[in-house]
Amino acid sequence: MQNQNYAMLITLNNHLQAIRFFLYCLVAIMLNSTIFSALEYFCTSNIQPNPILEKESLAFRIIIGILIAPLLEAYLFQKLPFLIMSRLKVKSMLVRITLPSLAFAINHSFSIFYVGFAFITGIILNYMYIACKENNKGYAFIAVALIHSIYNTIALALPLLFEHKSS
């Protein structure tokens, strides 16, 4: 009985560590977004919206920005590079994190500030993916897609909240 309780405590501790790591990554991405948004605002007196989605309906933005893009981008910029570099036996953590992060940033080239934000976000997401995979966590893909989806939900919701308050 005591061994079973101990095993349950270890399992619970492992889950809490994973949740803590997830939350740290989410906070890091939100801080990164705040810093780059402030830089863009102070340097240009403007924050550029995503030109691909800004003229689309709210339903379309939700489907693409919150559901499809996080899954597709987690595959293209975390899972696929991880698989390719693992197959090529790339050992350098710097290369394994930086190259897909650069591709992620180029894919988000709405402004120079957004590229900087996306590059650092890519570093966080790729680090998270690799850390989860290397610790034999089966949820690396879902964790990265979920954190991206949460960020996109917040990024979509905030302008809507301020839009309604100023009306």
Foldseek 3Di string as FASTA:
>chain_A
DVVVVVVVVVVVVVVVVLVVLLVVLLVVLVVLVVVLQVVCCVVPVDDDDQVVPPVPDPVVCCCVQQPPVLLVLLVVLAVVLVVVCVVVVPDDPCCSQQPSQQVQLVVRPPDPSSSVSSSVNSSSLNVQLVVCVVVVHPCSSVSSSNSSNVVSVCVSVVVVVVVVVVD
